[in-house]
């Protein structure tokens, strides 16, 4: 067990001596809670901010690159015919309205994007659009079924009903018909209520509430099982933290912030340091997701400082390291990853150790330091083996392959992709296995071996077809056609 791999002197994030006002009020923007081991893309910015924690280049702000938020203009429901643009828009609104987590939203978006692309062609292929909509409906219904613990085909039934109508598969966003909006049953009355942009922003749908709240509870339970989360003894503190988690899970960030700040206040009053640490970490995640990196760093550091829980300390340091890494500050990121590894070792949290080591290896790969890339991935793989988890090993070997491929260490990259595919096969993760075949094909093309690349893509496509992922199979078909 690697309980403290690198006995280095760790220098944590230290807030400035003079606190200054942060731009904007806390929690002005809506956000959703994200996993502490997953992050959004970040980049350096030249914008300024009054609050400046440990900025080695003298910049005054850490800012992520902003991506389009997908916000739609108001929909005119006065038209009489249903158009594919309406179906795609309402499908996205449905996914948001039921509180779908990021991985579900991403998977649904992949299918909808393929359908949208096809709908904008001069002569859209009806079968391609329908196939991708069916796949997306299957994903959402599966999520609803798992969340409510009862079989659901509500989205698929809506799509099937639409296919029986006169659908215009040539995209025209101005043609909307309210009669064809997807509807979910009201829990109390049984009446069918439509999911629209207005419903996404309100609390009128009881089914929507049920799904969102169960999603929040599942998230809380998963966190407790995964990280052995400390449960406060004080009922008021516990209630405030649970309320904060619930609001964060259903994208009501200001209510979540207020609840967690109340939990911090009450925790300090009764001297419950671990509860204070948990609430601070959760606040850090909300600000992190909102790209308010100054506040995110402040509360992550406060979480580490308040808590005696090595697991929480590891997660706080890892999250701080992610911010420094993503805004490209090498030394602070490195030191915080080391601290995360050390605390994760004390908590026997092998997953955080492997992730932190992989991040360090990737940082060296981005600087074309081949020796250190191999070294850190070697240690990450050794620890991953200790987990006895094929999924963890599959992820680490795949990441290693990505970095080695970037460094043109192509032979070893292929070995890593092959090993990763085998790990994922052993864990019944067929899609991830296919992804590794696809990445191996890309390396084969770099080496000039078109026949082997073609064979690998065919293997990936066969897997996609076996699991009925028609959208991904179509993507692979396009790649096969250009080889």
Protein backbone atom coordinates (compact mmCIF):
# COMPACT_ATOMS: atom_id res chain seq x y z
CA UNK A 1 0.00 0.00 0.00
CA UNK A 2 1.39 3.40 -0.98
CA UNK A 3 0.39 5.42 2.04
CA UNK A 4 2.71 8.35 1.38
CA UNK A 5 4.44 7.89 -1.93
CA UNK A 6 6.32 11.15 -2.09
CA UNK A 7 7.47 12.50 1.30
CA UNK A 8 7.77 16.06 0.04
CA UNK A 9 7.10 19.30 1.85
CA UNK A 10 3.56 20.21 0.81
CA UNK A 11 2.63 23.89 0.63
CA UNK A 12 -1.16 24.18 0.57
CA UNK A 13 -3.28 26.99 -0.80
CA UNK A 14 -2.92 30.02 1.43
CA UNK A 15 -5.47 32.82 1.13
CA UNK A 16 -4.15 36.38 0.88
CA UNK A 17 -3.66 38.45 4.02
CA UNK A 18 -6.13 41.10 2.90
CA UNK A 19 -9.52 39.82 1.85
CA UNK A 20 -11.19 41.75 -0.92
CA UNK A 21 -14.69 41.69 -2.31
CA UNK A 22 -15.29 39.05 -4.95
CA UNK A 23 -16.99 40.03 -8.20
CA UNK A 24 -20.70 39.20 -8.00
CA UNK A 25 -22.76 37.90 -5.11
CA UNK A 26 -22.32 34.37 -3.89
CA UNK A 27 -24.37 31.94 -5.89
CA UNK A 28 -25.94 34.42 -8.32
CA UNK A 29 -25.71 31.90 -11.16
CA UNK A 30 -27.52 28.59 -11.29
CA UNK A 31 -25.24 25.55 -11.17
CA UNK A 32 -25.36 21.83 -10.52
CA UNK A 33 -23.29 19.77 -8.17
CA UNK A 34 -20.52 17.80 -9.83
CA UNK A 35 -18.34 14.94 -8.68
CA UNK A 36 -15.12 16.03 -7.00
CA UNK A 37 -13.16 13.80 -9.38
CA UNK A 38 -14.73 15.22 -12.55
CA UNK A 39 -14.24 18.73 -13.90
CA UNK A 40 -15.28 21.10 -16.64
CA UNK A 41 -12.70 22.38 -19.16
CA UNK A 42 -10.79 25.39 -17.79
CA UNK A 43 -8.37 27.83 -19.29
CA UNK A 44 -6.38 30.91 -18.33
CA UNK A 45 -7.97 34.27 -18.87
CA UNK A 46 -6.71 37.80 -18.76
CA UNK A 47 -9.79 39.08 -17.00
CA UNK A 48 -9.23 40.65 -13.60
CA UNK A 49 -10.74 39.93 -10.23
CA UNK A 50 -10.18 41.64 -6.88
CA UNK A 51 -9.60 38.34 -5.12
CA UNK A 52 -6.33 36.65 -6.00
CA UNK A 53 -5.33 33.41 -4.23
CA UNK A 54 -1.77 32.22 -4.86
CA UNK A 55 -1.35 33.35 -8.44
CA UNK A 56 2.27 32.59 -9.39
CA UNK A 57 2.20 34.60 -12.62
CA UNK A 58 0.81 37.72 -11.05
CA UNK A 59 -2.59 37.32 -12.70
CA UNK A 60 -5.57 38.39 -10.66
CA UNK A 61 -8.10 35.77 -11.67
CA UNK A 62 -8.55 32.11 -12.48
CA UNK A 63 -11.19 31.81 -15.20
CA UNK A 64 -12.43 28.87 -17.24
CA UNK A 65 -13.29 29.04 -20.89
CA UNK A 66 -17.06 29.51 -21.18
CA UNK A 67 -19.07 27.20 -23.46
CA UNK A 68 -22.53 27.84 -24.93
CA UNK A 69 -25.18 27.04 -22.31
CA UNK A 70 -27.73 25.77 -24.81
CA UNK A 71 -30.35 28.32 -23.75
CA UNK A 72 -33.17 28.47 -26.28
CA UNK A 73 -35.19 31.50 -27.33
CA UNK A 74 -38.90 31.61 -26.52
CA UNK A 75 -40.92 29.07 -28.49
CA UNK A 76 -43.97 30.09 -30.48
CA UNK A 77 -46.68 27.47 -29.99
CA UNK A 78 -49.19 29.06 -32.38
CA UNK A 79 -48.32 26.84 -35.37
CA UNK A 80 -50.26 23.73 -36.35
CA UNK A 81 -47.69 21.16 -37.52
CA UNK A 82 -44.98 19.32 -35.66
CA UNK A 83 -41.39 19.87 -36.81
CA UNK A 84 -38.27 17.88 -35.90
CA UNK A 85 -36.74 21.05 -34.38
CA UNK A 86 -39.53 21.11 -31.78
CA UNK A 87 -39.03 17.45 -30.96
CA UNK A 88 -35.29 17.92 -30.42
CA UNK A 89 -35.78 21.04 -28.29
CA UNK A 90 -38.46 19.44 -26.13
CA UNK A 91 -36.38 16.29 -25.77
CA UNK A 92 -33.50 18.35 -24.34
CA UNK A 93 -35.92 20.17 -22.03
CA UNK A 94 -37.27 16.82 -20.85
CA UNK A 95 -33.80 15.57 -19.97
CA UNK A 96 -33.16 18.75 -17.97
CA UNK A 97 -36.57 18.78 -16.32
CA UNK A 98 -36.24 15.33 -14.76
CA UNK A 99 -32.87 16.19 -13.21
CA UNK A 100 -30.71 13.98 -15.43
CA UNK A 101 -27.09 13.81 -14.20
CA UNK A 102 -24.27 15.03 -16.50
CA UNK A 103 -23.41 11.58 -17.87
CA UNK A 104 -27.02 10.98 -18.93
CA UNK A 105 -27.29 14.45 -20.47
CA UNK A 106 -24.07 13.87 -22.39
CA UNK A 107 -25.22 10.53 -23.75
CA UNK A 108 -28.61 11.92 -24.78
CA UNK A 109 -26.96 14.94 -26.40
CA UNK A 110 -24.79 12.68 -28.57
CA UNK A 111 -27.86 11.07 -30.12
CA UNK A 112 -29.77 14.33 -30.45
CA UNK A 113 -26.78 15.97 -32.10
CA UNK A 114 -26.68 13.26 -34.76
CA UNK A 115 -30.40 13.66 -35.37
CA UNK A 116 -30.05 17.45 -35.51
CA UNK A 117 -27.21 17.24 -38.03
CA UNK A 118 -29.27 14.94 -40.24
CA UNK A 119 -32.34 17.18 -39.98
CA UNK A 120 -30.41 20.15 -41.39
CA UNK A 121 -29.48 18.37 -44.61
CA UNK A 122 -31.32 19.19 -47.83
CA UNK A 123 -32.89 15.72 -47.82
CA UNK A 124 -32.84 14.34 -44.25
CA UNK A 125 -32.87 10.57 -43.78
CA UNK A 126 -35.97 9.81 -41.71
CA UNK A 127 -34.63 6.45 -40.49
CA UNK A 128 -31.39 7.94 -39.15
CA UNK A 129 -33.29 10.61 -37.21
CA UNK A 130 -35.79 8.14 -35.79
CA UNK A 131 -33.07 5.70 -34.78
CA UNK A 132 -31.18 8.32 -32.80
CA UNK A 133 -34.34 9.59 -31.11
CA UNK A 134 -35.24 6.03 -30.09
CA UNK A 135 -31.77 5.56 -28.62
CA UNK A 136 -32.03 8.82 -26.69
CA UNK A 137 -35.49 7.87 -25.37
CA UNK A 138 -34.15 4.50 -24.19
CA UNK A 139 -31.40 6.27 -22.23
CA UNK A 140 -33.87 8.62 -20.50
CA UNK A 141 -36.42 5.91 -19.74
CA UNK A 142 -33.72 3.73 -18.23
CA UNK A 143 -32.67 6.61 -15.98
CA UNK A 144 -36.27 7.25 -14.94
CA UNK A 145 -36.83 3.54 -14.26
CA UNK A 146 -33.73 3.24 -12.07
CA UNK A 147 -34.45 6.47 -10.21
CA UNK A 148 -38.11 5.71 -9.45
CA UNK A 149 -37.51 1.96 -9.07
CA UNK A 150 -40.34 1.19 -11.49
CA UNK A 151 -40.45 0.51 -15.20
CA UNK A 152 -40.90 3.59 -17.36
CA UNK A 153 -41.49 3.95 -21.10
CA UNK A 154 -42.93 7.45 -20.98
CA UNK A 155 -40.33 9.05 -23.25
CA UNK A 156 -40.26 6.17 -25.71
CA UNK A 157 -44.07 6.18 -25.89
CA UNK A 158 -43.99 9.92 -26.64
CA UNK A 159 -41.50 9.37 -29.47
CA UNK A 160 -43.51 6.45 -30.87
CA UNK A 161 -46.65 8.58 -30.86
CA UNK A 162 -44.85 11.34 -32.72
CA UNK A 163 -43.64 8.94 -35.39
CA UNK A 164 -47.29 8.18 -36.17
CA UNK A 165 -47.92 11.86 -36.91
CA UNK A 166 -46.95 13.92 -39.93
CA UNK A 167 -43.47 14.94 -38.81
CA UNK A 168 -41.47 17.34 -40.95
CA UNK A 169 -37.93 15.98 -40.68
CA UNK A 170 -36.43 19.07 -42.30
CA UNK A 171 -35.45 21.33 -39.40
CA UNK A 172 -37.44 24.54 -38.98
CA UNK A 173 -37.20 25.94 -35.41
CA UNK A 174 -40.02 28.41 -36.06
CA UNK A 175 -42.67 25.68 -36.50
CA UNK A 176 -43.88 24.52 -33.07
CA UNK A 177 -47.05 22.67 -32.01
CA UNK A 178 -47.93 22.53 -28.31
CA UNK A 179 -50.15 19.48 -28.79
CA UNK A 180 -47.10 17.31 -29.34
CA UNK A 181 -45.13 18.29 -26.23
CA UNK A 182 -44.00 15.34 -24.10
CA UNK A 183 -46.13 14.92 -20.98
CA UNK A 184 -45.40 13.31 -17.60
CA UNK A 185 -48.07 12.22 -15.10
CA UNK A 186 -48.85 14.38 -12.10
CA UNK A 187 -48.21 12.29 -8.98
CA UNK A 188 -51.34 13.43 -7.12
CA UNK A 189 -53.97 13.91 -9.85
CA UNK A 190 -52.70 11.60 -12.58
CA UNK A 191 -53.19 14.39 -15.11
CA UNK A 192 -50.62 14.53 -17.91
CA UNK A 193 -48.59 17.74 -17.82
CA UNK A 194 -46.29 18.91 -20.60
CA UNK A 195 -42.56 19.36 -20.16
CA UNK A 196 -41.57 22.67 -21.74
CA UNK A 197 -38.99 25.38 -21.14
CA UNK A 198 -41.34 26.98 -18.60
CA UNK A 199 -41.73 23.69 -16.74
CA UNK A 200 -37.97 23.24 -16.63
CA UNK A 201 -37.76 26.47 -14.66
CA UNK A 202 -40.68 25.75 -12.30
CA UNK A 203 -41.76 23.17 -9.75
CA UNK A 204 -45.19 22.31 -11.21
CA UNK A 205 -44.51 18.69 -12.16
CA UNK A 206 -44.75 16.30 -9.22
CA UNK A 207 -43.14 13.54 -11.25
CA UNK A 208 -40.32 15.95 -12.01
CA UNK A 209 -39.93 16.62 -8.28
CA UNK A 210 -39.99 12.92 -7.46
CA UNK A 211 -37.27 12.12 -9.97
CA UNK A 212 -35.11 15.07 -8.92
CA UNK A 213 -35.37 14.35 -5.20
CA UNK A 214 -34.66 10.66 -5.66
CA UNK A 215 -31.67 11.63 -7.81
CA UNK A 216 -30.41 13.79 -4.96
CA UNK A 217 -30.94 11.03 -2.40
CA UNK A 218 -29.17 8.50 -4.63
CA UNK A 219 -26.27 10.90 -5.00
CA UNK A 220 -26.02 11.31 -1.23
CA UNK A 221 -26.17 7.54 -0.65
CA UNK A 222 -23.52 6.88 -3.30
CA UNK A 223 -21.22 9.45 -1.74
CA UNK A 224 -21.65 7.90 1.68
CA UNK A 225 -20.91 4.41 0.34
CA UNK A 226 -17.95 5.52 -1.77
CA UNK A 227 -16.24 7.88 0.66
CA UNK A 228 -17.56 6.69 4.02
CA UNK A 229 -18.94 10.18 4.61
CA UNK A 230 -19.16 11.40 8.20
CA UNK A 231 -22.78 11.75 9.44
CA UNK A 232 -23.23 14.67 11.88
CA UNK A 233 -24.87 13.78 15.18
CA UNK A 234 -26.63 17.13 15.47
CA UNK A 235 -30.00 16.97 13.70
CA UNK A 236 -29.95 20.64 12.65
CA UNK A 237 -26.52 20.33 11.06
CA UNK A 238 -27.41 17.07 9.37
CA UNK A 239 -30.66 18.53 8.02
CA UNK A 240 -28.88 21.61 6.63
CA UNK A 241 -26.25 19.50 4.87
CA UNK A 242 -28.84 17.14 3.39
CA UNK A 243 -30.91 20.10 2.20
CA UNK A 244 -27.82 21.60 0.61
CA UNK A 245 -27.04 18.36 -1.20
CA UNK A 246 -30.62 18.07 -2.41
CA UNK A 247 -30.71 21.62 -3.75
CA UNK A 248 -27.31 21.19 -5.39
CA UNK A 249 -28.43 17.97 -7.08
CA UNK A 250 -31.48 19.67 -8.61
CA UNK A 251 -29.55 22.74 -9.78
CA UNK A 252 -30.85 25.25 -7.22
CA UNK A 253 -27.44 26.59 -6.34
CA UNK A 254 -28.41 29.64 -4.29
CA UNK A 255 -30.61 27.56 -1.98
CA UNK A 256 -27.78 25.02 -1.73
CA UNK A 257 -25.27 27.75 -0.84
CA UNK A 258 -27.58 29.14 1.85
CA UNK A 259 -28.12 25.68 3.33
CA UNK A 260 -24.40 24.85 3.44
CA UNK A 261 -23.53 28.21 4.99
CA UNK A 262 -26.15 27.53 7.65
CA UNK A 263 -24.55 24.11 8.22
CA UNK A 264 -21.12 25.74 8.61
CA UNK A 265 -22.49 28.25 11.11
CA UNK A 266 -24.22 25.58 13.22
CA UNK A 267 -21.20 23.25 13.02
CA UNK A 268 -18.93 25.96 14.39
CA UNK A 269 -21.36 26.67 17.21
CA UNK A 270 -21.25 23.07 18.44
CA UNK A 271 -17.60 22.43 17.52
CA UNK A 272 -18.26 19.72 14.89
CA UNK A 273 -15.18 20.19 12.70
CA UNK A 274 -15.90 17.28 10.36
CA UNK A 275 -19.40 18.56 9.60
CA UNK A 276 -17.94 22.00 8.94
CA UNK A 277 -15.41 20.42 6.56
CA UNK A 278 -18.12 18.58 4.64
CA UNK A 279 -20.23 21.72 4.22
CA UNK A 280 -17.19 23.73 3.11
CA UNK A 281 -16.24 21.09 0.55
CA UNK A 282 -19.77 21.04 -0.86
CA UNK A 283 -19.70 24.83 -1.15
CA UNK A 284 -16.37 24.56 -2.95
CA UNK A 285 -17.93 22.20 -5.47
CA UNK A 286 -20.79 24.58 -6.21
CA UNK A 287 -18.44 27.51 -6.78
CA UNK A 288 -16.12 25.25 -8.78
CA UNK A 289 -18.95 24.24 -11.10
CA UNK A 290 -19.94 27.91 -11.44
CA UNK A 291 -16.33 28.81 -12.41
CA UNK A 292 -16.02 31.02 -9.35
CA UNK A 293 -12.56 29.62 -8.77
CA UNK A 294 -11.47 32.06 -6.06
CA UNK A 295 -14.34 31.02 -3.81
CA UNK A 296 -13.91 27.38 -4.80
CA UNK A 297 -10.27 27.44 -3.68
CA UNK A 298 -11.18 29.26 -0.47
CA UNK A 299 -13.79 26.70 0.59
CA UNK A 300 -11.76 23.66 -0.50
CA UNK A 301 -8.91 24.92 1.66
CA UNK A 302 -11.30 25.61 4.54
CA UNK A 303 -12.65 22.06 4.19
CA UNK A 304 -9.14 20.62 4.50
CA UNK A 305 -8.30 22.93 7.38
CA UNK A 306 -11.45 22.21 9.39
CA UNK A 307 -11.78 18.45 9.02
CA UNK A 308 -9.85 15.60 10.61
CA UNK A 309 -11.04 13.19 7.89
CA UNK A 310 -8.13 12.13 5.65
CA UNK A 311 -10.56 11.15 2.91
CA UNK A 312 -12.09 14.61 2.82
CA UNK A 313 -8.66 16.24 2.98
CA UNK A 314 -7.57 14.15 -0.02
CA UNK A 315 -10.63 15.15 -2.02
CA UNK A 316 -10.17 18.84 -1.10
CA UNK A 317 -6.51 18.83 -2.14
CA UNK A 318 -7.36 16.95 -5.34
CA UNK A 319 -10.02 19.52 -6.21
CA UNK A 320 -7.62 22.42 -5.58
CA UNK A 321 -5.00 20.69 -7.71
CA UNK A 322 -7.53 20.29 -10.54
CA UNK A 323 -8.13 24.04 -10.58
CA UNK A 324 -4.43 24.90 -10.64
CA UNK A 325 -3.85 22.25 -13.32
CA UNK A 326 -6.68 23.48 -15.50
CA UNK A 327 -5.54 27.09 -15.39
CA UNK A 328 -2.02 25.83 -16.18
CA UNK A 329 -0.10 26.59 -12.98
CA UNK A 330 2.26 23.66 -12.82
CA UNK A 331 3.96 23.92 -9.42
CA UNK A 332 0.85 24.65 -7.30
CA UNK A 333 -0.99 21.85 -9.11
CA UNK A 334 1.86 19.42 -8.50
CA UNK A 335 2.10 20.21 -4.79
CA UNK A 336 -1.62 19.83 -4.25
CA UNK A 337 -1.71 16.52 -6.13
CA UNK A 338 1.12 15.27 -3.88
CA UNK A 339 -0.89 16.30 -0.81
CA UNK A 340 -3.96 14.52 -2.18
CA UNK A 341 -1.91 11.36 -2.71
CA UNK A 342 -0.55 11.51 0.82
CA UNK A 343 -3.95 11.98 2.51
CA UNK A 344 -5.58 9.41 0.22
CA UNK A 345 -2.90 6.95 1.28
CA UNK A 346 -3.76 7.52 4.95
CA UNK A 347 -7.42 6.87 4.10
CA UNK A 348 -6.62 3.84 1.88
CA UNK A 349 -8.40 5.64 -0.95
CA UNK A 350 -6.67 3.98 -3.90
CA UNK A 351 -8.94 5.57 -6.47
CA UNK A 352 -7.92 9.13 -5.58
CA UNK A 353 -4.27 8.08 -5.55
CA UNK A 354 -4.44 6.60 -9.05
CA UNK A 355 -6.31 9.62 -10.40
CA UNK A 356 -3.88 12.11 -8.87
CA UNK A 357 -0.87 10.18 -10.17
CA UNK A 358 -2.46 10.02 -13.62
CA UNK A 359 -3.03 13.78 -13.59
CA UNK A 360 0.62 14.36 -12.71
CA UNK A 361 1.69 12.01 -15.51
CA UNK A 362 -0.55 13.89 -17.95
CA UNK A 363 0.98 17.19 -16.86
CA UNK A 364 4.42 15.84 -17.73
CA UNK A 365 3.13 14.41 -21.01
CA UNK A 366 1.82 17.85 -21.99
CA UNK A 367 5.38 19.10 -21.49
CA UNK A 368 6.78 16.20 -23.54
CA UNK A 369 8.65 14.82 -20.53
CA UNK A 370 8.57 11.17 -21.58
CA UNK A 371 10.57 9.83 -18.65
CA UNK A 372 8.31 11.28 -15.95
CA UNK A 373 5.19 10.34 -17.90
CA UNK A 374 6.24 6.69 -17.85
CA UNK A 375 7.32 6.93 -14.22
CA UNK A 376 4.07 8.34 -12.82
CA UNK A 377 1.84 6.13 -14.95
CA UNK A 378 3.89 3.15 -13.78
CA UNK A 379 3.09 3.99 -10.15
CA UNK A 380 -0.56 4.72 -11.00
CA UNK A 381 -0.87 1.30 -12.64
CA UNK A 382 0.68 -0.45 -9.64
CA UNK A 383 -1.86 1.15 -7.31
CA UNK A 384 -4.72 0.51 -9.72
CA UNK A 385 -3.89 -3.20 -9.58
CA UNK A 386 -4.36 -3.10 -5.82
CA UNK A 387 -7.99 -2.04 -6.30
CA UNK A 388 -8.80 -5.34 -8.06
CA UNK A 389 -11.27 -3.28 -10.10
CA UNK A 390 -11.28 -3.90 -13.83
CA UNK A 391 -13.00 -0.55 -14.38
CA UNK A 392 -10.33 1.37 -12.47
CA UNK A 393 -7.55 -0.47 -14.28
CA UNK A 394 -9.28 0.01 -17.62
CA UNK A 395 -9.49 3.76 -17.02
CA UNK A 396 -5.83 4.13 -15.99
CA UNK A 397 -4.46 2.04 -18.88
CA UNK A 398 -6.62 3.96 -21.35
CA UNK A 399 -5.43 7.32 -20.00
CA UNK A 400 -1.86 6.13 -20.20
CA UNK A 401 -2.42 5.13 -23.81
CA UNK A 402 -3.74 8.62 -24.58
CA UNK A 403 -0.66 10.32 -23.16
CA UNK A 404 1.76 7.92 -24.85
CA UNK A 405 -0.02 8.37 -28.17
CA UNK A 406 0.37 12.14 -27.81
CA UNK A 407 4.10 11.59 -27.21
CA UNK A 408 4.29 9.33 -30.30
CA UNK A 409 5.18 6.39 -28.06
CA UNK A 410 2.87 4.48 -30.37
CA UNK A 411 3.85 0.87 -29.70
CA UNK A 412 3.37 1.22 -25.94
CA UNK A 413 0.19 3.25 -26.48
CA UNK A 414 -1.22 0.31 -28.45
CA UNK A 415 -0.27 -2.06 -25.64
CA UNK A 416 -2.10 0.13 -23.12
CA UNK A 417 -5.24 0.36 -25.28
CA UNK A 418 -5.23 -3.41 -25.72
CA UNK A 419 -4.88 -3.96 -21.96
CA UNK A 420 -7.60 -1.38 -21.24
CA UNK A 421 -9.98 -3.06 -23.70
CA UNK A 422 -9.41 -6.38 -21.92
CA UNK A 423 -10.09 -4.86 -18.50
CA UNK A 424 -13.31 -3.31 -19.77
CA UNK A 425 -14.34 -6.58 -21.37
CA UNK A 426 -13.90 -8.27 -18.01
CA UNK A 427 -16.14 -5.63 -16.40
CA UNK A 428 -18.81 -5.85 -19.12
CA UNK A 429 -18.11 -2.25 -20.14
CA UNK A 430 -18.62 -2.86 -23.85
CA UNK A 431 -18.80 0.77 -24.97
CA UNK A 432 -15.52 1.66 -23.25
CA UNK A 433 -13.92 -1.42 -24.78
CA UNK A 434 -15.05 -0.20 -28.21
CA UNK A 435 -13.64 3.27 -27.52
CA UNK A 436 -10.22 1.75 -26.89
CA UNK A 437 -10.38 -0.14 -30.19
CA UNK A 438 -11.22 3.16 -31.89
CA UNK A 439 -8.27 4.92 -30.25
CA UNK A 440 -5.96 2.05 -31.18
CA UNK A 441 -7.15 2.41 -34.78
CA UNK A 442 -6.09 6.06 -34.74
CA UNK A 443 -2.60 5.05 -33.65
CA UNK A 444 -2.47 2.39 -36.36
CA UNK A 445 -3.25 5.06 -38.95
CA UNK A 446 -0.37 7.14 -37.62
CA UNK A 447 1.85 4.11 -38.15
CA UNK A 448 0.53 3.72 -41.69
CA UNK A 449 -1.20 0.38 -41.08
CA UNK A 450 -4.58 1.04 -42.69
CA UNK A 451 -5.70 -2.57 -42.80
CA UNK A 452 -5.19 -3.02 -39.04
CA UNK A 453 -6.87 0.31 -38.35
CA UNK A 454 -9.83 -0.80 -40.47
CA UNK A 455 -10.03 -4.08 -38.56
CA UNK A 456 -10.00 -2.31 -35.18
CA UNK A 457 -12.74 0.10 -36.24
CA UNK A 458 -14.84 -2.83 -37.44
CA UNK A 459 -14.42 -4.50 -34.04
CA UNK A 460 -15.54 -1.27 -32.34
CA UNK A 461 -18.50 -0.98 -34.70
CA UNK A 462 -19.57 -4.58 -34.08
CA UNK A 463 -19.59 -3.88 -30.35
CA UNK A 464 -21.63 -0.71 -30.90
CA UNK A 465 -24.18 -2.63 -32.94
CA UNK A 466 -24.31 -5.41 -30.35
CA UNK A 467 -25.25 -2.93 -27.63
CA UNK A 468 -27.63 -1.08 -29.99
CA UNK A 469 -25.64 2.14 -29.93
CA UNK A 470 -26.60 3.10 -33.47
CA UNK A 471 -25.31 6.65 -33.13
CA UNK A 472 -21.79 5.52 -32.25
CA UNK A 473 -21.92 2.85 -34.96
CA UNK A 474 -22.71 5.60 -37.48
CA UNK A 475 -19.73 7.64 -36.30
CA UNK A 476 -17.47 4.62 -36.77
CA UNK A 477 -18.98 3.97 -40.21
CA UNK A 478 -17.91 7.45 -41.30
CA UNK A 479 -14.36 6.73 -40.16
CA UNK A 480 -14.35 3.40 -41.98
CA UNK A 481 -15.45 5.09 -45.19
CA UNK A 482 -12.43 7.42 -45.26
CA UNK A 483 -9.74 4.77 -44.66
